[in-house]
PDB file of N, CA and C in Angstrom:
ATOM      1  N   UNK A   1     -75.780 -36.373 -39.122  1.00  0.00           N
ATOM      2  CA  UNK A   1     -76.723 -35.461 -39.733  1.00  0.00           C
ATOM      3  C   UNK A   1     -75.989 -34.185 -40.124  1.00  0.00           C
ATOM      4  N   UNK A   2     -76.262 -33.692 -41.315  1.00  0.00           N
ATOM      5  CA  UNK A   2     -75.616 -32.483 -41.807  1.00  0.00           C
ATOM      6  C   UNK A   2     -76.263 -31.260 -41.174  1.00  0.00           C
ATOM      7  N   UNK A   3     -75.545 -30.144 -41.150  1.00  0.00           N
ATOM      8  CA  UNK A   3     -76.137 -28.923 -40.616  1.00  0.00           C
ATOM      9  C   UNK A   3     -77.388 -28.558 -41.416  1.00  0.00           C
ATOM     10  N   UNK A   4     -78.337 -27.997 -40.712  1.00  0.00           N
ATOM     11  CA  UNK A   4     -79.618 -27.668 -41.354  1.00  0.00           C
ATOM     12  C   UNK A   4     -79.474 -26.441 -42.240  1.00  0.00           C
ATOM     13  N   UNK A   5     -80.215 -26.447 -43.339  1.00  0.00           N
ATOM     14  CA  UNK A   5     -80.212 -25.287 -44.220  1.00  0.00           C
ATOM     15  C   UNK A   5     -81.185 -24.245 -43.668  1.00  0.00           C
ATOM     16  N   UNK A   6     -81.168 -23.097 -44.260  1.00  0.00           N
ATOM     17  CA  UNK A   6     -82.060 -22.011 -43.818  1.00  0.00           C
ATOM     18  C   UNK A   6     -83.511 -22.426 -43.993  1.00  0.00           C
ATOM     19  N   UNK A   7     -83.813 -23.101 -45.090  1.00  0.00           N
ATOM     20  CA  UNK A   7     -85.203 -23.537 -45.328  1.00  0.00           C
ATOM     21  C   UNK A   7     -85.627 -24.591 -44.314  1.00  0.00           C
ATOM     22  N   UNK A   8     -84.698 -25.478 -43.947  1.00  0.00           N
ATOM     23  CA  UNK A   8     -85.007 -26.476 -42.930  1.00  0.00           C
ATOM     24  C   UNK A   8     -85.279 -25.826 -41.589  1.00  0.00           C
ATOM     25  N   UNK A   9     -84.497 -24.800 -41.262  1.00  0.00           N
ATOM     26  CA  UNK A   9     -84.712 -24.087 -39.998  1.00  0.00           C
ATOM     27  C   UNK A   9     -86.073 -23.383 -39.987  1.00  0.00           C
ATOM     28  N   UNK A  10     -86.439 -22.772 -41.124  1.00  0.00           N
ATOM     29  CA  UNK A  10     -87.735 -22.095 -41.200  1.00  0.00           C
ATOM     30  C   UNK A  10     -88.881 -23.086 -41.094  1.00  0.00           C
ATOM     31  N   UNK A  11     -88.716 -24.296 -41.666  1.00  0.00           N
ATOM     32  CA  UNK A  11     -89.761 -25.323 -41.579  1.00  0.00           C
ATOM     33  C   UNK A  11     -89.928 -25.774 -40.138  1.00  0.00           C
ATOM     34  N   UNK A  12     -88.786 -26.016 -39.429  1.00  0.00           N
ATOM     35  CA  UNK A  12     -88.857 -26.422 -38.018  1.00  0.00           C
ATOM     36  C   UNK A  12     -89.489 -25.306 -37.193  1.00  0.00           C
ATOM     37  N   UNK A  13     -89.121 -24.047 -37.484  1.00  0.00           N
ATOM     38  CA  UNK A  13     -89.679 -22.903 -36.757  1.00  0.00           C
ATOM     39  C   UNK A  13     -91.183 -22.823 -36.950  1.00  0.00           C
ATOM     40  N   UNK A  14     -91.654 -23.087 -38.170  1.00  0.00           N
ATOM     41  CA  UNK A  14     -93.093 -23.061 -38.433  1.00  0.00           C
ATOM     42  C   UNK A  14     -93.808 -24.226 -37.791  1.00  0.00           C
ATOM     43  N   UNK A  15     -93.190 -25.411 -37.720  1.00  0.00           N
ATOM     44  CA  UNK A  15     -93.846 -26.601 -37.168  1.00  0.00           C
ATOM     45  C   UNK A  15     -93.866 -26.607 -35.645  1.00  0.00           C
ATOM     46  N   UNK A  16     -92.758 -26.284 -35.007  1.00  0.00           N
ATOM     47  CA  UNK A  16     -92.690 -26.445 -33.544  1.00  0.00           C
ATOM     48  C   UNK A  16     -92.483 -25.131 -32.802  1.00  0.00           C
ATOM     49  N   UNK A  17     -92.307 -24.049 -33.485  1.00  0.00           N
ATOM     50  CA  UNK A  17     -92.152 -22.766 -32.825  1.00  0.00           C
ATOM     51  C   UNK A  17     -90.697 -22.478 -32.484  1.00  0.00           C
ATOM     52  N   UNK A  18     -90.523 -21.333 -31.839  1.00  0.00           N
ATOM     53  CA  UNK A  18     -89.183 -20.858 -31.503  1.00  0.00           C
ATOM     54  C   UNK A  18     -88.491 -21.771 -30.494  1.00  0.00           C
ATOM     55  N   UNK A  19     -89.236 -22.240 -29.494  1.00  0.00           N
ATOM     56  CA  UNK A  19     -88.643 -23.123 -28.484  1.00  0.00           C
ATOM     57  C   UNK A  19     -88.195 -24.433 -29.139  1.00  0.00           C
ATOM     58  N   UNK A  20     -88.990 -24.960 -30.022  1.00  0.00           N
ATOM     59  CA  UNK A  20     -88.631 -26.189 -30.727  1.00  0.00           C
ATOM     60  C   UNK A  20     -87.384 -25.991 -31.580  1.00  0.00           C
ATOM     61  N   UNK A  21     -87.306 -24.836 -32.257  1.00  0.00           N
ATOM     62  CA  UNK A  21     -86.127 -24.524 -33.061  1.00  0.00           C
ATOM     63  C   UNK A  21     -84.884 -24.458 -32.194  1.00  0.00           C
ATOM     64  N   UNK A  22     -84.998 -23.819 -31.042  1.00  0.00           N
ATOM     65  CA  UNK A  22     -83.861 -23.731 -30.115  1.00  0.00           C
ATOM     66  C   UNK A  22     -83.453 -25.122 -29.646  1.00  0.00           C
ATOM     67  N   UNK A  23     -84.434 -25.975 -29.337  1.00  0.00           N
ATOM     68  CA  UNK A  23     -84.120 -27.336 -28.890  1.00  0.00           C
ATOM     69  C   UNK A  23     -83.449 -28.153 -30.005  1.00  0.00           C
ATOM     70  N   UNK A  24     -83.925 -28.011 -31.239  1.00  0.00           N
ATOM     71  CA  UNK A  24     -83.321 -28.732 -32.359  1.00  0.00           C
ATOM     72  C   UNK A  24     -81.882 -28.263 -32.571  1.00  0.00           C
ATOM     73  N   UNK A  25     -81.659 -26.959 -32.546  1.00  0.00           N
ATOM     74  CA  UNK A  25     -80.301 -26.433 -32.713  1.00  0.00           C
ATOM     75  C   UNK A  25     -79.395 -26.885 -31.572  1.00  0.00           C
ATOM     76  N   UNK A  26     -79.942 -26.868 -30.365  1.00  0.00           N
ATOM     77  CA  UNK A  26     -79.168 -27.315 -29.204  1.00  0.00           C
ATOM     78  C   UNK A  26     -78.804 -28.797 -29.348  1.00  0.00           C
ATOM     79  N   UNK A  27     -79.779 -29.619 -29.786  1.00  0.00           N
ATOM     80  CA  UNK A  27     -79.558 -31.057 -29.956  1.00  0.00           C
ATOM     81  C   UNK A  27     -78.476 -31.306 -31.009  1.00  0.00           C
ATOM     82  N   UNK A  28     -78.552 -30.586 -32.125  1.00  0.00           N
ATOM     83  CA  UNK A  28     -77.537 -30.734 -33.166  1.00  0.00           C
ATOM     84  C   UNK A  28     -76.158 -30.305 -32.662  1.00  0.00           C
ATOM     85  N   UNK A  29     -76.121 -29.222 -31.903  1.00  0.00           N
ATOM     86  CA  UNK A  29     -74.850 -28.749 -31.364  1.00  0.00           C
ATOM     87  C   UNK A  29     -74.274 -29.760 -30.385  1.00  0.00           C
ATOM     88  N   UNK A  30     -75.111 -30.376 -29.581  1.00  0.00           N
ATOM     89  CA  UNK A  30     -74.634 -31.376 -28.622  1.00  0.00           C
ATOM     90  C   UNK A  30     -74.090 -32.610 -29.356  1.00  0.00           C
ATOM     91  N   UNK A  31     -74.716 -33.003 -30.437  1.00  0.00           N
ATOM     92  CA  UNK A  31     -74.217 -34.125 -31.234  1.00  0.00           C
ATOM     93  C   UNK A  31     -72.856 -33.781 -31.832  1.00  0.00           C
ATOM     94  N   UNK A  32     -72.706 -32.549 -32.313  1.00  0.00           N
ATOM     95  CA  UNK A  32     -71.435 -32.115 -32.877  1.00  0.00           C
ATOM     96  C   UNK A  32     -70.345 -32.115 -31.806  1.00  0.00           C
ATOM     97  N   UNK A  33     -70.679 -31.619 -30.635  1.00  0.00           N
ATOM     98  CA  UNK A  33     -69.722 -31.596 -29.523  1.00  0.00           C
ATOM     99  C   UNK A  33     -69.353 -33.020 -29.113  1.00  0.00           C
ATOM    100  N   UNK A  34     -70.333 -33.931 -29.110  1.00  0.00           N
ATOM    101  CA  UNK A  34     -70.056 -35.329 -28.755  1.00  0.00           C
ATOM    102  C   UNK A  34     -69.098 -35.953 -29.767  1.00  0.00           C
ATOM    103  N   UNK A  35     -69.270 -35.662 -31.056  1.00  0.00           N
ATOM    104  CA  UNK A  35     -68.356 -36.191 -32.071  1.00  0.00           C
ATOM    105  C   UNK A  35     -66.949 -35.634 -31.859  1.00  0.00           C
ATOM    106  N   UNK A  36     -66.857 -34.357 -31.547  1.00  0.00           N
ATOM    107  CA  UNK A  36     -65.553 -33.741 -31.293  1.00  0.00           C
ATOM    108  C   UNK A  36     -64.898 -34.382 -30.071  1.00  0.00           C
ATOM    109  N   UNK A  37     -65.682 -34.628 -29.036  1.00  0.00           N
ATOM    110  CA  UNK A  37     -65.136 -35.249 -27.831  1.00  0.00           C
ATOM    111  C   UNK A  37     -64.672 -36.682 -28.109  1.00  0.00           C
ATOM    112  N   UNK A  38     -65.414 -37.414 -28.916  1.00  0.00           N
ATOM    113  CA  UNK A  38     -64.985 -38.774 -29.272  1.00  0.00           C
ATOM    114  C   UNK A  38     -63.679 -38.753 -30.061  1.00  0.00           C
ATOM    115  N   UNK A  39     -63.566 -37.809 -30.987  1.00  0.00           N
ATOM    116  CA  UNK A  39     -62.328 -37.687 -31.754  1.00  0.00           C
ATOM    117  C   UNK A  39     -61.171 -37.316 -30.831  1.00  0.00           C
ATOM    118  N   UNK A  40     -61.427 -36.404 -29.894  1.00  0.00           N
ATOM    119  CA  UNK A  40     -60.399 -36.002 -28.927  1.00  0.00           C
ATOM    120  C   UNK A  40     -59.985 -37.199 -28.063  1.00  0.00           C
ATOM    121  N   UNK A  41     -60.977 -37.983 -27.653  1.00  0.00           N
ATOM    122  CA  UNK A  41     -60.704 -39.160 -26.833  1.00  0.00           C
ATOM    123  C   UNK A  41     -59.825 -40.159 -27.594  1.00  0.00           C
ATOM    124  N   UNK A  42     -60.132 -40.395 -28.853  1.00  0.00           N
ATOM    125  CA  UNK A  42     -59.310 -41.333 -29.630  1.00  0.00           C
ATOM    126  C   UNK A  42     -57.910 -40.765 -29.871  1.00  0.00           C
ATOM    127  N   UNK A  43     -57.807 -39.450 -30.086  1.00  0.00           N
ATOM    128  CA  UNK A  43     -56.483 -38.831 -30.260  1.00  0.00           C
ATOM    129  C   UNK A  43     -55.653 -38.961 -28.988  1.00  0.00           C
ATOM    130  N   UNK A  44     -56.268 -38.751 -27.842  1.00  0.00           N
ATOM    131  CA  UNK A  44     -55.544 -38.864 -26.574  1.00  0.00           C
ATOM    132  C   UNK A  44     -55.136 -40.313 -26.307  1.00  0.00           C
ATOM    133  N   UNK A  45     -55.980 -41.282 -26.690  1.00  0.00           N
ATOM    134  CA  UNK A  45     -55.624 -42.691 -26.513  1.00  0.00           C
ATOM    135  C   UNK A  45     -54.419 -43.039 -27.389  1.00  0.00           C
ATOM    136  N   UNK A  46     -54.402 -42.517 -28.614  1.00  0.00           N
ATOM    137  CA  UNK A  46     -53.260 -42.750 -29.495  1.00  0.00           C
ATOM    138  C   UNK A  46     -51.996 -42.107 -28.927  1.00  0.00           C
ATOM    139  N   UNK A  47     -52.134 -40.901 -28.397  1.00  0.00           N
ATOM    140  CA  UNK A  47     -50.979 -40.224 -27.808  1.00  0.00           C
ATOM    141  C   UNK A  47     -50.475 -41.004 -26.589  1.00  0.00           C
ATOM    142  N   UNK A  48     -51.383 -41.547 -25.796  1.00  0.00           N
ATOM    143  CA  UNK A  48     -50.994 -42.342 -24.633  1.00  0.00           C
ATOM    144  C   UNK A  48     -50.219 -43.582 -25.083  1.00  0.00           C
ATOM    145  N   UNK A  49     -50.674 -44.230 -26.161  1.00  0.00           N
ATOM    146  CA  UNK A  49     -49.951 -45.397 -26.681  1.00  0.00           C
ATOM    147  C   UNK A  49     -48.550 -45.003 -27.144  1.00  0.00           C
ATOM    148  N   UNK A  50     -48.421 -43.847 -27.765  1.00  0.00           N
ATOM    149  CA  UNK A  50     -47.096 -43.396 -28.204  1.00  0.00           C
ATOM    150  C   UNK A  50     -46.191 -43.147 -27.003  1.00  0.00           C
ATOM    151  N   UNK A  51     -46.717 -42.532 -25.950  1.00  0.00           N
ATOM    152  CA  UNK A  51     -45.907 -42.294 -24.749  1.00  0.00           C
ATOM    153  C   UNK A  51     -45.484 -43.621 -24.123  1.00  0.00           C
ATOM    154  N   UNK A  52     -46.407 -44.578 -24.050  1.00  0.00           N
ATOM    155  CA  UNK A  52     -46.069 -45.882 -23.480  1.00  0.00           C
ATOM    156  C   UNK A  52     -45.003 -46.573 -24.324  1.00  0.00           C
ATOM    157  N   UNK A  53     -45.108 -46.439 -25.631  1.00  0.00           N
ATOM    158  CA  UNK A  53     -44.103 -47.005 -26.521  1.00  0.00           C
ATOM    159  C   UNK A  53     -42.752 -46.337 -26.284  1.00  0.00           C
ATOM    160  N   UNK A  54     -42.745 -45.026 -26.093  1.00  0.00           N
ATOM    161  CA  UNK A  54     -41.495 -44.313 -25.825  1.00  0.00           C
ATOM    162  C   UNK A  54     -40.888 -44.742 -24.497  1.00  0.00           C
ATOM    163  N   UNK A  55     -41.733 -44.965 -23.489  1.00  0.00           N
ATOM    164  CA  UNK A  55     -41.232 -45.415 -22.187  1.00  0.00           C
ATOM    165  C   UNK A  55     -40.572 -46.784 -22.343  1.00  0.00           C
ATOM    166  N   UNK A  56     -41.220 -47.661 -23.102  1.00  0.00           N
ATOM    167  CA  UNK A  56     -40.644 -48.980 -23.353  1.00  0.00           C
ATOM    168  C   UNK A  56     -39.306 -48.860 -24.078  1.00  0.00           C
ATOM    169  N   UNK A  57     -39.241 -47.973 -25.049  1.00  0.00           N
ATOM    170  CA  UNK A  57     -38.004 -47.757 -25.789  1.00  0.00           C
ATOM    171  C   UNK A  57     -36.894 -47.243 -24.878  1.00  0.00           C
ATOM    172  N   UNK A  58     -37.227 -46.315 -23.995  1.00  0.00           N
ATOM    173  CA  UNK A  58     -36.226 -45.762 -23.064  1.00  0.00           C
ATOM    174  C   UNK A  58     -35.722 -46.849 -22.113  1.00  0.00           C
ATOM    175  N   UNK A  59     -36.626 -47.696 -21.619  1.00  0.00           N
ATOM    176  CA  UNK A  59     -36.200 -48.777 -20.723  1.00  0.00           C
ATOM    177  C   UNK A  59     -35.267 -49.746 -21.445  1.00  0.00           C
ATOM    178  N   UNK A  60     -35.603 -50.080 -22.689  1.00  0.00           N
ATOM    179  CA  UNK A  60     -34.733 -50.969 -23.460  1.00  0.00           C
ATOM    180  C   UNK A  60     -33.371 -50.314 -23.693  1.00  0.00           C
ATOM    181  N   UNK A  61     -33.353 -49.044 -24.048  1.00  0.00           N
ATOM    182  CA  UNK A  61     -32.098 -48.330 -24.282  1.00  0.00           C
ATOM    183  C   UNK A  61     -31.276 -48.261 -23.001  1.00  0.00           C
ATOM    184  N   UNK A  62     -31.958 -48.076 -21.872  1.00  0.00           N
ATOM    185  CA  UNK A  62     -31.254 -48.003 -20.597  1.00  0.00           C
ATOM    186  C   UNK A  62     -30.541 -49.327 -20.301  1.00  0.00           C
ATOM    187  N   UNK A  63     -31.188 -50.453 -20.586  1.00  0.00           N
ATOM    188  CA  UNK A  63     -30.536 -51.740 -20.335  1.00  0.00           C
ATOM    189  C   UNK A  63     -29.357 -51.937 -21.283  1.00  0.00           C
ATOM    190  N   UNK A  64     -29.497 -51.513 -22.543  1.00  0.00           N
ATOM    191  CA  UNK A  64     -28.381 -51.619 -23.496  1.00  0.00           C
ATOM    192  C   UNK A  64     -27.225 -50.730 -23.052  1.00  0.00           C
ATOM    193  N   UNK A  65     -27.541 -49.520 -22.607  1.00  0.00           N
ATOM    194  CA  UNK A  65     -26.493 -48.600 -22.151  1.00  0.00           C
ATOM    195  C   UNK A  65     -25.787 -49.156 -20.915  1.00  0.00           C
ATOM    196  N   UNK A  66     -26.533 -49.784 -20.035  1.00  0.00           N
ATOM    197  CA  UNK A  66     -25.930 -50.377 -18.841  1.00  0.00           C
ATOM    198  C   UNK A  66     -24.982 -51.510 -19.235  1.00  0.00           C
ATOM    199  N   UNK A  67     -25.426 -52.354 -20.167  1.00  0.00           N
ATOM    200  CA  UNK A  67     -24.564 -53.438 -20.637  1.00  0.00           C
ATOM    201  C   UNK A  67     -23.316 -52.880 -21.315  1.00  0.00           C
ATOM    202  N   UNK A  68     -23.494 -51.838 -22.107  1.00  0.00           N
ATOM    203  CA  UNK A  68     -22.355 -51.224 -22.791  1.00  0.00           C
ATOM    204  C   UNK A  68     -21.376 -50.634 -21.780  1.00  0.00           C
ATOM    205  N   UNK A  69     -21.895 -50.032 -20.731  1.00  0.00           N
ATOM    206  CA  UNK A  69     -21.026 -49.477 -19.688  1.00  0.00           C
ATOM    207  C   UNK A  69     -20.193 -50.586 -19.060  1.00  0.00           C
ATOM    208  N   UNK A  70     -20.824 -51.733 -18.792  1.00  0.00           N
ATOM    209  CA  UNK A  70     -20.086 -52.864 -18.216  1.00  0.00           C
ATOM    210  C   UNK A  70     -18.987 -53.340 -19.161  1.00  0.00           C
ATOM    211  N   UNK A  71     -19.283 -53.388 -20.462  1.00  0.00           N
ATOM    212  CA  UNK A  71     -18.290 -53.810 -21.449  1.00  0.00           C
ATOM    213  C   UNK A  71     -17.125 -52.820 -21.490  1.00  0.00           C
ATOM    214  N   UNK A  72     -17.421 -51.538 -21.459  1.00  0.00           N
ATOM    215  CA  UNK A  72     -16.366 -50.525 -21.494  1.00  0.00           C
ATOM    216  C   UNK A  72     -15.487 -50.623 -20.250  1.00  0.00           C
ATOM    217  N   UNK A  73     -16.107 -50.805 -19.098  1.00  0.00           N
ATOM    218  CA  UNK A  73     -15.330 -50.938 -17.850  1.00  0.00           C
ATOM    219  C   UNK A  73     -14.438 -52.173 -17.910  1.00  0.00           C
ATOM    220  N   UNK A  74     -14.995 -53.295 -18.362  1.00  0.00           N
ATOM    221  CA  UNK A  74     -14.218 -54.523 -18.452  1.00  0.00           C
ATOM    222  C   UNK A  74     -13.059 -54.363 -19.440  1.00  0.00           C
ATOM    223  N   UNK A  75     -13.321 -53.768 -20.581  1.00  0.00           N
ATOM    224  CA  UNK A  75     -12.249 -53.551 -21.565  1.00  0.00           C
ATOM    225  C   UNK A  75     -11.165 -52.629 -21.018  1.00  0.00           C
ATOM    226  N   UNK A  76     -11.546 -51.619 -20.296  1.00  0.00           N
ATOM    227  CA  UNK A  76     -10.565 -50.707 -19.706  1.00  0.00           C
ATOM    228  C   UNK A  76      -9.689 -51.444 -18.702  1.00  0.00           C
ATOM    229  N   UNK A  77     -10.307 -52.281 -17.887  1.00  0.00           N
ATOM    230  CA  UNK A  77      -9.530 -53.052 -16.911  1.00  0.00           C
ATOM    231  C   UNK A  77      -8.553 -53.996 -17.610  1.00  0.00           C
ATOM    232  N   UNK A  78      -9.041 -54.669 -18.645  1.00  0.00           N
ATOM    233  CA  UNK A  78      -8.181 -55.610 -19.375  1.00  0.00           C
ATOM    234  C   UNK A  78      -7.035 -54.869 -20.055  1.00  0.00           C
ATOM    235  N   UNK A  79      -7.321 -53.739 -20.688  1.00  0.00           N
ATOM    236  CA  UNK A  79      -6.260 -52.984 -21.363  1.00  0.00           C
ATOM    237  C   UNK A  79      -5.254 -52.427 -20.359  1.00  0.00           C
ATOM    238  N   UNK A  80      -5.704 -52.037 -19.192  1.00  0.00           N
ATOM    239  CA  UNK A  80      -4.781 -51.564 -18.158  1.00  0.00           C
ATOM    240  C   UNK A  80      -3.860 -52.697 -17.709  1.00  0.00           C
ATOM    241  N   UNK A  81      -4.442 -53.857 -17.497  1.00  0.00           N
ATOM    242  CA  UNK A  81      -3.645 -55.025 -17.111  1.00  0.00           C
ATOM    243  C   UNK A  81      -2.652 -55.379 -18.209  1.00  0.00           C
ATOM    244  N   UNK A  82      -3.115 -55.386 -19.443  1.00  0.00           N
ATOM    245  CA  UNK A  82      -2.245 -55.692 -20.575  1.00  0.00           C
ATOM    246  C   UNK A  82      -1.112 -54.680 -20.690  1.00  0.00           C
ATOM    247  N   UNK A  83      -1.413 -53.416 -20.504  1.00  0.00           N
ATOM    248  CA  UNK A  83      -0.395 -52.377 -20.563  1.00  0.00           C
ATOM    249  C   UNK A  83       0.657 -52.586 -19.471  1.00  0.00           C
ATOM    250  N   UNK A  84       0.206 -52.887 -18.266  1.00  0.00           N
ATOM    251  CA  UNK A  84       1.154 -53.144 -17.177  1.00  0.00           C
ATOM    252  C   UNK A  84       2.038 -54.348 -17.479  1.00  0.00           C
ATOM    253  N   UNK A  85       1.443 -55.407 -18.015  1.00  0.00           N
ATOM    254  CA  UNK A  85       2.216 -56.609 -18.310  1.00  0.00           C
ATOM    255  C   UNK A  85       3.221 -56.364 -19.433  1.00  0.00           C
ATOM    256  N   UNK A  86       2.854 -55.573 -20.410  1.00  0.00           N
ATOM    257  CA  UNK A  86       3.804 -55.247 -21.483  1.00  0.00           C
ATOM    258  C   UNK A  86       4.954 -54.434 -20.929  1.00  0.00           C
ATOM    259  N   UNK A  87       4.665 -53.472 -20.097  1.00  0.00           N
ATOM    260  CA  UNK A  87       5.729 -52.650 -19.510  1.00  0.00           C
ATOM    261  C   UNK A  87       6.657 -53.473 -18.633  1.00  0.00           C
ATOM    262  N   UNK A  88       6.104 -54.432 -17.915  1.00  0.00           N
ATOM    263  CA  UNK A  88       6.928 -55.265 -17.034  1.00  0.00           C
ATOM    264  C   UNK A  88       7.590 -56.402 -17.811  1.00  0.00           C
ATOM    265  N   UNK A  89       7.122 -56.645 -19.034  1.00  0.00           N
ATOM    266  CA  UNK A  89       7.717 -57.620 -19.936  1.00  0.00           C
ATOM    267  C   UNK A  89       7.823 -58.993 -19.285  1.00  0.00           C
ATOM    268  N   UNK A  90       6.705 -59.508 -18.791  1.00  0.00           N
ATOM    269  CA  UNK A  90       6.694 -60.778 -18.075  1.00  0.00           C
ATOM    270  C   UNK A  90       6.563 -61.992 -18.995  1.00  0.00           C
ATOM    271  N   UNK A  91       6.141 -61.803 -20.237  1.00  0.00           N
ATOM    272  CA  UNK A  91       5.767 -62.959 -21.024  1.00  0.00           C
ATOM    273  C   UNK A  91       6.753 -63.351 -22.119  1.00  0.00           C
ATOM    274  N   UNK A  92       7.683 -62.509 -22.482  1.00  0.00           N
ATOM    275  CA  UNK A  92       8.637 -62.844 -23.532  1.00  0.00           C
ATOM    276  C   UNK A  92       9.942 -63.288 -22.873  1.00  0.00           C
ATOM    277  N   UNK A  93      10.303 -64.568 -22.967  1.00  0.00           N
ATOM    278  CA  UNK A  93      11.514 -65.042 -22.286  1.00  0.00           C
ATOM    279  C   UNK A  93      12.781 -64.382 -22.807  1.00  0.00           C
ATOM    280  N   UNK A  94      12.864 -64.100 -24.076  1.00  0.00           N
ATOM    281  CA  UNK A  94      14.067 -63.481 -24.638  1.00  0.00           C
ATOM    282  C   UNK A  94      14.248 -62.074 -24.074  1.00  0.00           C
ATOM    283  N   UNK A  95      13.179 -61.346 -24.002  1.00  0.00           N
ATOM    284  CA  UNK A  95      13.269 -59.990 -23.477  1.00  0.00           C
ATOM    285  C   UNK A  95      13.571 -60.005 -21.983  1.00  0.00           C
ATOM    286  N   UNK A  96      13.020 -61.006 -21.255  1.00  0.00           N
ATOM    287  CA  UNK A  96      13.298 -61.082 -19.825  1.00  0.00           C
ATOM    288  C   UNK A  96      14.788 -61.308 -19.569  1.00  0.00           C
ATOM    289  N   UNK A  97      15.402 -62.160 -20.387  1.00  0.00           N
ATOM    290  CA  UNK A  97      16.826 -62.437 -20.216  1.00  0.00           C
ATOM    291  C   UNK A  97      17.627 -61.172 -20.489  1.00  0.00           C
ATOM    292  N   UNK A  98      17.305 -60.480 -21.581  1.00  0.00           N
ATOM    293  CA  UNK A  98      18.033 -59.258 -21.902  1.00  0.00           C
ATOM    294  C   UNK A  98      17.806 -58.197 -20.840  1.00  0.00           C
ATOM    295  N   UNK A  99      16.643 -58.178 -20.296  1.00  0.00           N
ATOM    296  CA  UNK A  99      16.345 -57.214 -19.245  1.00  0.00           C
ATOM    297  C   UNK A  99      17.201 -57.486 -18.016  1.00  0.00           C
ATOM    298  N   UNK A 100      17.344 -58.769 -17.654  1.00  0.00           N
ATOM    299  CA  UNK A 100      18.165 -59.119 -16.478  1.00  0.00           C
ATOM    300  C   UNK A 100      19.639 -58.787 -16.746  1.00  0.00           C
ATOM    301  N   UNK A 101      20.110 -59.033 -17.983  1.00  0.00           N
ATOM    302  CA  UNK A 101      21.492 -58.714 -18.339  1.00  0.00           C
ATOM    303  C   UNK A 101      21.734 -57.212 -18.239  1.00  0.00           C
ATOM    304  N   UNK A 102      20.770 -56.456 -18.738  1.00  0.00           N
ATOM    305  CA  UNK A 102      20.904 -54.998 -18.700  1.00  0.00           C
ATOM    306  C   UNK A 102      20.963 -54.516 -17.264  1.00  0.00           C
ATOM    307  N   UNK A 103      20.162 -55.078 -16.424  1.00  0.00           N
ATOM    308  CA  UNK A 103      20.164 -54.694 -15.010  1.00  0.00           C
ATOM    309  C   UNK A 103      21.512 -55.057 -14.369  1.00  0.00           C
ATOM    310  N   UNK A 104      22.046 -56.259 -14.702  1.00  0.00           N
ATOM    311  CA  UNK A 104      23.335 -56.671 -14.134  1.00  0.00           C
ATOM    312  C   UNK A 104      24.465 -55.774 -14.627  1.00  0.00           C
ATOM    313  N   UNK A 105      24.414 -55.422 -15.927  1.00  0.00           N
ATOM    314  CA  UNK A 105      25.468 -54.590 -16.482  1.00  0.00           C
ATOM    315  C   UNK A 105      25.467 -53.203 -15.861  1.00  0.00           C
ATOM    316  N   UNK A 106      24.273 -52.660 -15.661  1.00  0.00           N
ATOM    317  CA  UNK A 106      24.190 -51.326 -15.065  1.00  0.00           C
ATOM    318  C   UNK A 106      24.626 -51.382 -13.610  1.00  0.00           C
ATOM    319  N   UNK A 107      24.189 -52.426 -12.899  1.00  0.00           N
ATOM    320  CA  UNK A 107      24.522 -52.550 -11.487  1.00  0.00           C
ATOM    321  C   UNK A 107      25.984 -52.966 -11.280  1.00  0.00           C
ATOM    322  N   UNK A 108      26.534 -53.807 -12.144  1.00  0.00           N
ATOM    323  CA  UNK A 108      27.900 -54.316 -11.974  1.00  0.00           C
ATOM    324  C   UNK A 108      28.944 -53.410 -12.586  1.00  0.00           C
ATOM    325  N   UNK A 109      28.628 -52.523 -13.504  1.00  0.00           N
ATOM    326  CA  UNK A 109      29.637 -51.766 -14.209  1.00  0.00           C
ATOM    327  C   UNK A 109      29.839 -50.439 -13.664  1.00  0.00           C
TER     328      UNK A 109
END
């Protein structure tokens, strides 16, 4: 219902008196407040859904970050092992032979 015009208010005042006019205005105001409360309720429900969606997103990101941390740790361990093996030169037979010769020459000469 739309707000009453001045002529509508005067007609209600003439038909039901001042108390009736006050009751009609009060009733209209309560309907307006109820509509505002319903709109507020729907806005809060939408906001709650957005927060729940954000919580879900954070949980998913947390699991991805945890997996990524495991991958980084594993890669670091592998690269450390690889670096040690390269420095010790365990896998190239030609280099191992030259390394032993160099050690003998330094120790024997």
